[in-house]
Amino acid sequence: MSTAPRLTALDALHRSLGATMTDFAGWDMPLRYASERDEHNAVRTRAGLFDLSHMGEITVTGPEAAAFLSYALVGNIATVGNGRARYTMIVQEDGGIVDDLIVYRLGETEYMVVANAGNAQIVLDALTGRVGGFDAEVRDDRDAYALLAVQGPESPAIMKAVTDADLDGLKYYAGLPGTVAGVPALIARTGYTGEDGFELFVAPEHAEALWQALTEAGASHGLIPCGLSCRDTLRLEAGMPLYGHELTTALTPFDAGLGRVVKFEKEGDFVGREALQAAAERAETAPPRKLVGLVAEGRRVPRAGFSVVADGKVIGEVTSGAPSPTLGKPIAMAYVDAAFAAPGTEGVGVDIRGTHEPYEVVALPFYKRQK
């Protein structure tokens, strides 16, 4: 028996704007409002407004909250400063990636863990199962927040029109409490587009007023509403991994080229330490497949699951692929055998329905914004 998808606080507004809706991780979400390409280009050149209320917020509080999170996650949460955020992961005992996360330190003994929508319950269950023995509490706060994002080069100017918070002093991967258009919010300088931008955590009952205020403030800056489709092409161009594609329980952070997020030097044990140490050693001595970028020489678009080939043999697999509005060519991320991972490696193709289409191997990301 299928259950009806969950609705965000902005559901009626999205429909009034003519959004094409889609079921995403159990939520009814806007896929696009008009043109995916126009929405993508708006974020790259001006600004876009997103509803990300499907993300999963989990609050951890208590005297041993930092010690608990350092045990439950691969990062050293004890070193996260007040008002700062950190990208990290939660893994199984065997080192397989359960999810990638952002952890915000909201106070001396209060943290917010933000999980991907499709994994939020899994992460909540894992944290709840690991908290025993620590003087800390895990709380499901998914219903306590709506999440809006303003992304793009014009986002600071738009935000300054609706808040007197110190945005100039707000660093990348930091957050501060403030008021935006009269609405109490956690203002975070984070995002998933490769551009400068802000994510705003607010009470659901304030989401619509905030959306309208941002829309009005952004009108003269070219701000437009944006759906999940362009969010995917934006993150792909920026070389950012997506859970279920570049990250899975079959991969450790070292397999995914993200071993830097694992902090062996932190105090105490942590879940997956032994398996991850073995994975780190394997990556040093016999590199696994590596995540690379692929740029098409033709016009055919690769999709997740397509084989990467060379010399008539399968050497890897595409994890994400799409037309790139910024590059004007199809692009993909793929795990390939280490021998074929160097940028410029010749003779690499993607098997697209029986035809081996030529692709150039490039370093990630495909796109990096000018500072």
Protein backbone atom coordinates (compact mmCIF):
# COMPACT_ATOMS: atom_id res chain seq x y z
CA MET A 1 0.00 0.00 0.00
CA SER A 2 1.59 3.27 -1.13
CA THR A 3 1.49 6.32 1.11
CA ALA A 4 0.80 9.83 -0.12
CA PRO A 5 3.93 11.96 -0.50
CA ARG A 6 4.66 14.54 2.19
CA LEU A 7 4.02 18.19 1.35
CA THR A 8 6.25 21.11 2.27
CA ALA A 9 4.81 24.30 3.75
CA LEU A 10 5.21 25.88 0.30
CA ASP A 11 3.27 23.24 -1.64
CA ALA A 12 0.31 25.48 -2.54
CA LEU A 13 2.66 28.28 -3.55
CA HIS A 14 4.63 26.01 -5.90
CA ARG A 15 1.42 24.91 -7.60
CA SER A 16 0.25 28.52 -7.94
CA LEU A 17 3.54 29.24 -9.75
CA GLY A 18 2.85 26.41 -12.21
CA ALA A 19 5.60 24.11 -10.95
CA THR A 20 5.96 20.62 -12.33
CA MET A 21 5.87 18.49 -9.19
CA THR A 22 7.56 15.13 -8.61
CA ASP A 23 7.79 12.54 -5.85
CA PHE A 24 11.31 12.81 -4.41
CA ALA A 25 12.28 10.70 -1.40
CA GLY A 26 8.65 10.58 -0.30
CA TRP A 27 8.06 14.32 -0.72
CA ASP A 28 6.09 16.15 -3.41
CA MET A 29 8.70 18.61 -4.67
CA PRO A 30 8.98 21.14 -7.51
CA LEU A 31 11.04 19.68 -10.36
CA ARG A 32 10.95 22.86 -12.46
CA TYR A 33 8.79 25.95 -12.86
CA ALA A 34 9.45 26.67 -16.53
CA SER A 35 12.80 26.01 -18.24
CA GLU A 36 15.42 23.92 -16.43
CA ARG A 37 18.12 25.63 -18.50
CA ASP A 38 16.86 29.10 -17.57
CA GLU A 39 16.74 28.16 -13.90
CA HIS A 40 20.27 26.72 -14.06
CA ASN A 41 21.64 29.80 -15.81
CA ALA A 42 19.89 32.14 -13.37
CA VAL A 43 21.79 30.54 -10.47
CA ARG A 44 25.09 30.73 -12.36
CA THR A 45 24.68 34.38 -13.40
CA ARG A 46 22.13 35.96 -11.04
CA ALA A 47 20.19 34.05 -8.36
CA GLY A 48 17.71 31.25 -7.77
CA LEU A 49 15.29 30.51 -4.93
CA PHE A 50 14.82 26.89 -3.80
CA ASP A 51 12.50 25.05 -1.42
CA LEU A 52 14.64 22.40 0.29
CA SER A 53 12.23 21.58 3.11
CA HIS A 54 12.57 17.87 2.34
CA MET A 55 16.00 17.77 3.99
CA GLY A 56 16.15 16.07 7.40
CA GLU A 57 17.08 18.08 10.51
CA ILE A 58 18.15 16.16 13.62
CA THR A 59 19.10 18.06 16.79
CA VAL A 60 21.67 16.67 19.23
CA THR A 61 21.97 18.30 22.65
CA GLY A 62 23.64 17.61 25.97
CA PRO A 63 26.98 17.89 27.79
CA GLU A 64 28.45 15.06 25.70
CA ALA A 65 26.85 16.01 22.37
CA ALA A 66 30.21 16.72 20.71
CA ALA A 67 31.82 13.53 22.03
CA PHE A 68 28.81 11.52 20.89
CA LEU A 69 28.82 12.98 17.37
CA SER A 70 32.57 12.40 17.07
CA TYR A 71 31.89 8.75 17.95
CA ALA A 72 28.85 8.36 15.68
CA LEU A 73 30.31 10.19 12.64
CA VAL A 74 33.68 10.06 10.86
CA GLY A 75 34.56 13.73 11.50
CA ASN A 76 35.99 15.42 14.58
CA ILE A 77 32.91 17.34 15.70
CA ALA A 78 34.64 18.46 18.90
CA THR A 79 36.69 20.94 16.85
CA VAL A 80 33.69 22.61 15.18
CA GLY A 81 33.52 26.18 16.47
CA ASN A 82 30.33 27.76 17.71
CA GLY A 83 28.40 29.07 14.71
CA ARG A 84 30.37 26.96 12.24
CA ALA A 85 29.37 23.97 10.11
CA ARG A 86 31.21 20.89 8.87
CA TYR A 87 30.70 18.43 6.02
CA THR A 88 31.01 14.87 7.29
CA MET A 89 29.63 11.35 6.87
CA ILE A 90 27.99 8.58 8.85
CA VAL A 91 29.15 5.06 7.99
CA GLN A 92 28.34 1.46 8.85
CA GLU A 93 30.71 -0.67 10.93
CA ASP A 94 32.14 -1.97 7.62
CA GLY A 95 32.89 1.61 6.50
CA GLY A 96 30.09 1.80 3.92
CA ILE A 97 28.63 5.29 3.58
CA VAL A 98 25.16 5.64 5.12
CA ASP A 99 24.87 9.34 4.23
CA ASP A 100 26.82 12.53 3.83
CA LEU A 101 25.83 15.26 6.27
CA ILE A 102 26.32 18.83 7.35
CA VAL A 103 26.64 19.39 11.10
CA TYR A 104 25.99 22.89 12.46
CA ARG A 105 27.11 23.86 15.94
CA LEU A 106 24.29 26.02 17.27
CA GLY A 107 25.55 26.49 20.83
CA GLU A 108 27.89 25.17 23.50
CA THR A 109 26.05 21.85 23.72
CA GLU A 110 23.67 21.97 20.74
CA TYR A 111 24.20 20.70 17.21
CA MET A 112 21.99 20.27 14.15
CA VAL A 113 22.68 17.37 11.80
CA VAL A 114 21.21 17.82 8.30
CA ALA A 115 20.70 14.58 6.38
CA ASN A 116 19.58 13.92 2.83
CA ALA A 117 15.82 13.51 2.48
CA GLY A 118 15.93 9.87 1.43
CA ASN A 119 18.22 8.92 4.32
CA ALA A 120 16.83 11.09 7.13
CA GLN A 121 15.03 8.26 8.94
CA ILE A 122 18.01 5.92 8.49
CA VAL A 123 20.37 8.54 9.94
CA LEU A 124 17.97 9.29 12.79
CA ASP A 125 17.73 5.59 13.64
CA ALA A 126 21.51 5.16 13.47
CA LEU A 127 22.17 8.15 15.76
CA THR A 128 19.49 7.00 18.19
CA GLY A 129 21.04 3.55 18.23
CA ARG A 130 24.53 4.92 18.92
CA VAL A 131 23.77 7.47 21.66
CA GLY A 132 23.64 4.94 24.52
CA GLY A 133 26.32 5.66 27.12
CA PHE A 134 26.59 9.35 26.22
CA ASP A 135 24.99 12.21 28.14
CA ALA A 136 23.29 13.45 25.00
CA GLU A 137 19.84 13.46 23.41
CA VAL A 138 18.89 12.90 19.76
CA ARG A 139 15.73 14.71 18.63
CA ASP A 140 13.84 14.41 15.35
CA ASP A 141 13.27 18.03 14.24
CA ARG A 142 12.22 17.37 10.65
CA ASP A 143 8.79 18.92 11.25
CA ALA A 144 10.26 21.92 13.07
CA TYR A 145 11.90 23.46 9.99
CA ALA A 146 11.24 24.64 6.49
CA LEU A 147 14.40 25.25 4.47
CA LEU A 148 14.76 27.88 1.74
CA ALA A 149 17.93 28.56 -0.25
CA VAL A 150 19.04 31.64 -2.17
CA GLN A 151 21.92 30.70 -4.46
CA GLY A 152 23.94 32.64 -7.02
CA PRO A 153 26.25 35.65 -7.34
CA GLU A 154 23.44 38.10 -6.56
CA SER A 155 22.42 36.26 -3.37
CA PRO A 156 24.40 38.50 -0.95
CA ALA A 157 22.79 41.65 -2.37
CA ILE A 158 19.32 40.09 -2.16
CA MET A 159 19.85 38.94 1.42
CA LYS A 160 21.20 42.33 2.52
CA ALA A 161 17.89 43.87 1.43
CA VAL A 162 15.94 41.71 3.90
CA THR A 163 18.26 41.27 6.90
CA ASP A 164 20.62 43.33 9.03
CA ALA A 165 22.58 40.21 10.03
CA ASP A 166 26.35 40.43 9.50
CA LEU A 167 26.49 38.67 6.15
CA ASP A 168 29.95 40.05 5.32
CA GLY A 169 31.28 38.37 8.46
CA LEU A 170 29.46 35.11 7.76
CA LYS A 171 32.04 32.72 6.33
CA TYR A 172 31.44 29.75 4.04
CA TYR A 173 30.21 26.80 6.13
CA ALA A 174 29.02 28.95 9.00
CA GLY A 175 25.62 29.90 10.36
CA LEU A 176 24.17 32.56 12.61
CA PRO A 177 20.74 33.24 14.09
CA GLY A 178 19.07 36.33 12.66
CA THR A 179 15.90 37.85 11.35
CA VAL A 180 15.17 37.73 7.62
CA ALA A 181 12.20 39.80 6.42
CA GLY A 182 10.90 39.80 9.99
CA VAL A 183 11.18 36.00 10.26
CA PRO A 184 13.49 34.34 12.83
CA ALA A 185 15.96 32.15 10.94
CA LEU A 186 19.21 30.27 11.10
CA ILE A 187 21.16 31.87 8.26
CA ALA A 188 23.76 29.45 6.88
CA ARG A 189 26.30 30.19 4.15
CA THR A 190 26.08 26.76 2.59
CA GLY A 191 24.66 25.30 -0.61
CA TYR A 192 24.82 22.63 -3.25
CA THR A 193 25.22 24.60 -6.47
CA GLY A 194 28.86 25.65 -6.67
CA GLU A 195 27.82 29.28 -6.17
CA ASP A 196 27.80 31.63 -3.18
CA GLY A 197 24.52 31.45 -1.36
CA PHE A 198 22.50 31.07 1.81
CA GLU A 199 20.29 28.40 3.32
CA LEU A 200 17.57 29.65 5.67
CA PHE A 201 16.11 27.36 8.34
CA VAL A 202 12.76 28.75 9.55
CA ALA A 203 9.57 27.57 11.21
CA PRO A 204 7.21 26.10 8.57
CA GLU A 205 4.52 28.70 9.32
CA HIS A 206 6.94 31.46 8.26
CA ALA A 207 8.07 29.83 5.01
CA GLU A 208 5.55 31.43 2.66
CA ALA A 209 6.06 34.98 3.97
CA LEU A 210 9.81 34.55 3.65
CA TRP A 211 9.53 33.16 0.10
CA GLN A 212 7.42 36.15 -0.96
CA ALA A 213 9.79 38.64 0.67
CA LEU A 214 12.82 37.08 -1.02
CA THR A 215 11.00 37.04 -4.35
CA GLU A 216 10.26 40.77 -4.05
CA ALA A 217 13.78 41.62 -2.89
CA GLY A 218 15.26 39.56 -5.72
CA ALA A 219 13.11 40.86 -8.55
CA SER A 220 15.57 43.58 -9.56
CA HIS A 221 18.46 41.09 -9.29
CA GLY A 222 17.01 38.49 -11.68
CA LEU A 223 16.03 35.99 -8.96
CA ILE A 224 13.67 33.24 -10.14
CA PRO A 225 12.21 30.15 -8.44
CA CYS A 226 14.20 26.99 -9.13
CA GLY A 227 13.37 23.28 -8.89
CA LEU A 228 15.26 20.11 -8.13
CA SER A 229 16.15 19.45 -11.77
CA CYS A 230 18.50 22.42 -12.10
CA ARG A 231 19.84 21.77 -8.59
CA ASP A 232 21.06 18.44 -9.93
CA THR A 233 22.83 19.90 -13.00
CA LEU A 234 24.34 22.66 -10.85
CA ARG A 235 25.80 20.21 -8.32
CA LEU A 236 27.00 17.94 -11.15
CA GLU A 237 28.92 20.79 -12.80
CA ALA A 238 30.40 21.61 -9.38
CA GLY A 239 31.54 17.99 -8.95
CA MET A 240 29.46 17.51 -5.78
CA PRO A 241 28.46 13.93 -4.94
CA LEU A 242 24.83 12.82 -4.66
CA TYR A 243 23.87 10.03 -2.30
CA GLY A 244 22.68 6.98 -4.20
CA HIS A 245 24.90 7.90 -7.14
CA GLU A 246 28.48 8.80 -6.14
CA LEU A 247 27.96 7.68 -2.52
CA THR A 248 26.46 4.33 -1.41
CA THR A 249 26.83 1.76 1.36
CA ALA A 250 29.00 -0.25 -1.07
CA LEU A 251 31.63 2.50 -0.96
CA THR A 252 33.78 3.86 1.87
CA PRO A 253 34.75 7.55 1.96
CA PHE A 254 38.18 6.48 0.64
CA ASP A 255 36.60 4.70 -2.33
CA ALA A 256 34.70 7.91 -3.08
CA GLY A 257 37.85 10.05 -2.97
CA LEU A 258 36.60 11.74 0.19
CA GLY A 259 38.95 10.16 2.72
CA ARG A 260 39.83 13.65 3.94
CA VAL A 261 36.58 13.78 5.93
CA VAL A 262 37.68 10.81 8.08
CA LYS A 263 39.60 12.03 11.13
CA PHE A 264 41.61 9.18 12.63
CA GLU A 265 43.46 11.59 14.92
CA LYS A 266 40.40 12.45 17.02
CA GLU A 267 40.12 11.20 20.59
CA GLY A 268 38.40 7.91 21.27
CA ASP A 269 36.91 5.25 19.06
CA PHE A 270 34.33 5.89 16.35
CA VAL A 271 31.97 3.70 14.35
CA GLY A 272 33.77 2.15 11.39
CA ARG A 273 37.31 3.11 12.47
CA GLU A 274 38.90 -0.31 11.93
CA ALA A 275 37.29 -0.85 8.53
CA LEU A 276 38.15 2.68 7.42
CA GLN A 277 41.80 2.28 8.42
CA ALA A 278 41.96 -0.82 6.23
CA ALA A 279 40.23 1.11 3.40
CA ALA A 280 42.76 3.94 3.75
CA GLU A 281 45.64 1.48 3.45
CA ARG A 282 44.09 -0.16 0.38
CA ALA A 283 43.66 3.25 -1.24
CA GLU A 284 47.38 3.93 -0.67
CA THR A 285 48.71 0.64 -2.02
CA ALA A 286 46.15 -0.40 -4.64
CA PRO A 287 43.92 2.52 -5.57
CA PRO A 288 40.33 1.48 -6.23
CA ARG A 289 38.34 2.97 -9.07
CA LYS A 290 38.56 6.74 -9.00
CA LEU A 291 35.82 9.30 -9.48
CA VAL A 292 36.48 11.37 -12.60
CA GLY A 293 34.72 13.80 -14.87
CA LEU A 294 33.77 12.91 -18.43
CA VAL A 295 32.97 15.45 -21.15
CA ALA A 296 31.26 14.28 -24.33
CA GLU A 297 32.73 14.89 -27.74
CA GLY A 298 29.27 14.37 -29.25
CA ARG A 299 25.73 15.21 -28.16
CA ARG A 300 24.51 11.96 -26.59
CA VAL A 301 23.87 12.15 -22.85
CA PRO A 302 25.25 9.47 -20.51
CA ARG A 303 23.08 8.30 -17.62
CA ALA A 304 23.77 6.64 -14.28
CA GLY A 305 24.59 2.96 -14.72
CA PHE A 306 26.03 3.24 -18.24
CA SER A 307 29.35 1.44 -18.71
CA VAL A 308 32.60 3.32 -19.28
CA VAL A 309 34.75 1.47 -21.80
CA ALA A 310 38.28 1.46 -23.23
CA ASP A 311 40.01 -1.00 -25.55
CA GLY A 312 36.76 -2.93 -25.82
CA LYS A 313 36.59 -3.57 -22.07
CA VAL A 314 34.42 -2.15 -19.30
CA ILE A 315 36.63 0.04 -17.09
CA GLY A 316 34.00 1.79 -15.01
CA GLU A 317 30.47 3.05 -14.57
CA VAL A 318 28.72 6.38 -14.89
CA THR A 319 27.21 7.58 -11.60
CA SER A 320 25.60 10.85 -12.81
CA GLY A 321 25.17 12.38 -16.25
CA ALA A 322 23.32 15.29 -17.83
CA PRO A 323 23.63 18.04 -20.43
CA SER A 324 25.71 20.87 -18.96
CA PRO A 325 24.12 24.28 -19.65
CA THR A 326 27.38 26.02 -18.65
CA LEU A 327 29.70 23.91 -20.82
CA GLY A 328 27.19 23.36 -23.61
CA LYS A 329 28.05 19.65 -23.70
CA PRO A 330 26.90 16.44 -22.00
CA ILE A 331 28.95 15.66 -18.88
CA ALA A 332 29.16 12.80 -16.40
CA MET A 333 30.83 11.66 -13.23
CA ALA A 334 32.05 8.08 -13.25
CA TYR A 335 34.13 5.64 -11.25
CA VAL A 336 36.86 4.27 -13.52
CA ASP A 337 39.85 1.99 -13.06
CA ALA A 338 42.82 3.96 -11.74
CA ALA A 339 44.83 3.31 -14.92
CA PHE A 340 42.30 5.38 -16.90
CA ALA A 341 41.68 8.14 -14.34
CA ALA A 342 44.31 10.69 -15.40
CA PRO A 343 42.90 13.77 -17.15
CA GLY A 344 43.44 13.53 -20.88
CA THR A 345 43.52 9.71 -20.95
CA GLU A 346 42.73 8.72 -24.53
CA GLY A 347 40.44 6.04 -25.88
CA VAL A 348 37.78 6.30 -23.17
CA GLY A 349 34.11 6.09 -24.11
CA VAL A 350 30.66 5.48 -22.69
CA ASP A 351 28.49 2.64 -23.92
CA ILE A 352 25.24 4.37 -24.85
CA ARG A 353 22.81 1.74 -26.09
CA GLY A 354 25.49 -0.30 -27.80
CA THR A 355 27.51 2.57 -29.27
CA HIS A 356 30.80 3.56 -27.67
CA GLU A 357 30.60 7.35 -27.62
CA PRO A 358 33.98 9.11 -27.12
CA TYR A 359 34.49 11.08 -23.92
CA GLU A 360 37.34 13.18 -22.54
CA VAL A 361 38.52 12.37 -19.01
CA VAL A 362 38.81 15.59 -16.98
CA ALA A 363 39.52 16.56 -13.38
CA LEU A 364 36.58 17.51 -11.19
CA PRO A 365 34.88 19.90 -10.82
CA PHE A 366 33.71 20.82 -14.32
CA TYR A 367 32.91 24.33 -13.11
CA LYS A 368 34.42 26.52 -10.38
CA ARG A 369 33.10 29.99 -9.66
CA GLN A 370 35.36 33.02 -9.77
CA LYS A 371 36.05 34.28 -6.26
